[in-house]
Amino acid sequence: MKRIEDILLFGKIISTAFLIGGYIFFGLLAGKKLSSMGYPEWLEIALPLLMAAIGLWQGWLYLRNILQKK
């Protein structure tokens, strides 16, 4: 039974990594789209960093919640 719980916990941690990666990818796409529309080019750098920070924060909240339940 412990092995199944470990596998489920590993899956939740991997999904958190995908969550963070998704935020970063969205920041890249949004930055490129906005700069192509005439917004400042520094958005191509700033938005992925901002979205990475938001993704890390969301990931931390999710992992903290999981680990407190365990």
C-alpha atoms as a PDB file:
ATOM      1  CA  MET A   1       0.000   0.000   0.000  1.00  0.00           C
ATOM      2  CA  LYS A   2       2.895   2.350   0.726  1.00  0.00           C
ATOM      3  CA  ARG A   3       4.213   1.855  -2.804  1.00  0.00           C
ATOM      4  CA  ILE A   4       0.958   3.051  -4.363  1.00  0.00           C
ATOM      5  CA  GLU A   5       0.937   6.149  -2.160  1.00  0.00           C
ATOM      6  CA  ASP A   6       4.509   6.919  -3.204  1.00  0.00           C
ATOM      7  CA  ILE A   7       3.608   6.584  -6.880  1.00  0.00           C
ATOM      8  CA  LEU A   8       0.624   8.899  -6.434  1.00  0.00           C
ATOM      9  CA  LEU A   9       2.772  11.451  -4.617  1.00  0.00           C
ATOM     10  CA  PHE A  10       5.374  11.278  -7.386  1.00  0.00           C
ATOM     11  CA  GLY A  11       2.643  11.879  -9.968  1.00  0.00           C
ATOM     12  CA  LYS A  12       1.434  14.940  -8.096  1.00  0.00           C
ATOM     13  CA  ILE A  13       4.955  16.343  -7.945  1.00  0.00           C
ATOM     14  CA  ILE A  14       5.446  15.774 -11.675  1.00  0.00           C
ATOM     15  CA  SER A  15       2.115  17.463 -12.397  1.00  0.00           C
ATOM     16  CA  THR A  16       3.311  20.460 -10.392  1.00  0.00           C
ATOM     17  CA  ALA A  17       6.367  20.678 -12.644  1.00  0.00           C
ATOM     18  CA  PHE A  18       4.077  20.647 -15.685  1.00  0.00           C
ATOM     19  CA  LEU A  19       2.000  23.399 -14.084  1.00  0.00           C
ATOM     20  CA  ILE A  20       5.069  25.608 -13.662  1.00  0.00           C
ATOM     21  CA  GLY A  21       6.223  24.839 -17.195  1.00  0.00           C
ATOM     22  CA  GLY A  22       2.799  25.754 -18.525  1.00  0.00           C
ATOM     23  CA  TYR A  23       2.917  29.132 -16.846  1.00  0.00           C
ATOM     24  CA  ILE A  24       6.362  29.807 -18.323  1.00  0.00           C
ATOM     25  CA  PHE A  25       5.242  28.686 -21.783  1.00  0.00           C
ATOM     26  CA  PHE A  26       2.209  30.960 -21.580  1.00  0.00           C
ATOM     27  CA  GLY A  27       4.493  33.849 -20.610  1.00  0.00           C
ATOM     28  CA  LEU A  28       6.684  33.169 -23.636  1.00  0.00           C
ATOM     29  CA  LEU A  29       3.741  33.057 -26.014  1.00  0.00           C
ATOM     30  CA  ALA A  30       2.077  36.131 -24.555  1.00  0.00           C
ATOM     31  CA  GLY A  31       5.334  38.104 -24.583  1.00  0.00           C
ATOM     32  CA  LYS A  32       6.025  37.296 -28.217  1.00  0.00           C
ATOM     33  CA  LYS A  33       2.453  38.067 -29.247  1.00  0.00           C
ATOM     34  CA  LEU A  34       2.376  41.383 -27.413  1.00  0.00           C
ATOM     35  CA  SER A  35       5.753  42.496 -28.752  1.00  0.00           C
ATOM     36  CA  SER A  36       4.657  41.622 -32.289  1.00  0.00           C
ATOM     37  CA  MET A  37       1.586  43.814 -31.745  1.00  0.00           C
ATOM     38  CA  GLY A  38       3.770  46.815 -30.945  1.00  0.00           C
ATOM     39  CA  TYR A  39       4.216  46.569 -27.192  1.00  0.00           C
ATOM     40  CA  PRO A  40       7.736  47.011 -25.764  1.00  0.00           C
ATOM     41  CA  GLU A  41      10.157  44.194 -26.514  1.00  0.00           C
ATOM     42  CA  TRP A  42      11.183  43.832 -22.878  1.00  0.00           C
ATOM     43  CA  LEU A  43       7.875  42.030 -22.374  1.00  0.00           C
ATOM     44  CA  GLU A  44       9.423  39.006 -24.099  1.00  0.00           C
ATOM     45  CA  ILE A  45      11.741  38.705 -21.101  1.00  0.00           C
ATOM     46  CA  ALA A  46       9.541  40.064 -18.336  1.00  0.00           C
ATOM     47  CA  LEU A  47       6.399  38.010 -18.927  1.00  0.00           C
ATOM     48  CA  PRO A  48       8.067  34.576 -18.750  1.00  0.00           C
ATOM     49  CA  LEU A  49       9.825  35.635 -15.549  1.00  0.00           C
ATOM     50  CA  LEU A  50       6.604  36.941 -14.062  1.00  0.00           C
ATOM     51  CA  MET A  51       4.696  33.833 -15.069  1.00  0.00           C
ATOM     52  CA  ALA A  52       7.480  31.624 -13.679  1.00  0.00           C
ATOM     53  CA  ALA A  53       7.154  33.394 -10.340  1.00  0.00           C
ATOM     54  CA  ILE A  54       3.383  32.928 -10.374  1.00  0.00           C
ATOM     55  CA  GLY A  55       3.781  29.281 -11.386  1.00  0.00           C
ATOM     56  CA  LEU A  56       6.290  28.624  -8.617  1.00  0.00           C
ATOM     57  CA  TRP A  57       3.969  30.242  -6.111  1.00  0.00           C
ATOM     58  CA  GLN A  58       1.020  28.135  -7.282  1.00  0.00           C
ATOM     59  CA  GLY A  59       3.183  25.017  -7.293  1.00  0.00           C
ATOM     60  CA  TRP A  60       4.382  25.725  -3.770  1.00  0.00           C
ATOM     61  CA  LEU A  61       0.823  26.170  -2.522  1.00  0.00           C
ATOM     62  CA  TYR A  62      -0.196  22.893  -4.156  1.00  0.00           C
ATOM     63  CA  LEU A  63       2.783  20.914  -2.849  1.00  0.00           C
ATOM     64  CA  ARG A  64       2.488  22.371   0.628  1.00  0.00           C
ATOM     65  CA  ASN A  65      -1.150  21.327   0.710  1.00  0.00           C
ATOM     66  CA  ILE A  66      -0.264  17.797  -0.422  1.00  0.00           C
ATOM     67  CA  LEU A  67       2.545  17.388   2.089  1.00  0.00           C
ATOM     68  CA  GLN A  68       0.445  18.692   4.983  1.00  0.00           C
ATOM     69  CA  LYS A  69      -2.227  16.082   4.251  1.00  0.00           C
ATOM     70  CA  LYS A  70       0.346  13.296   4.248  1.00  0.00           C
END
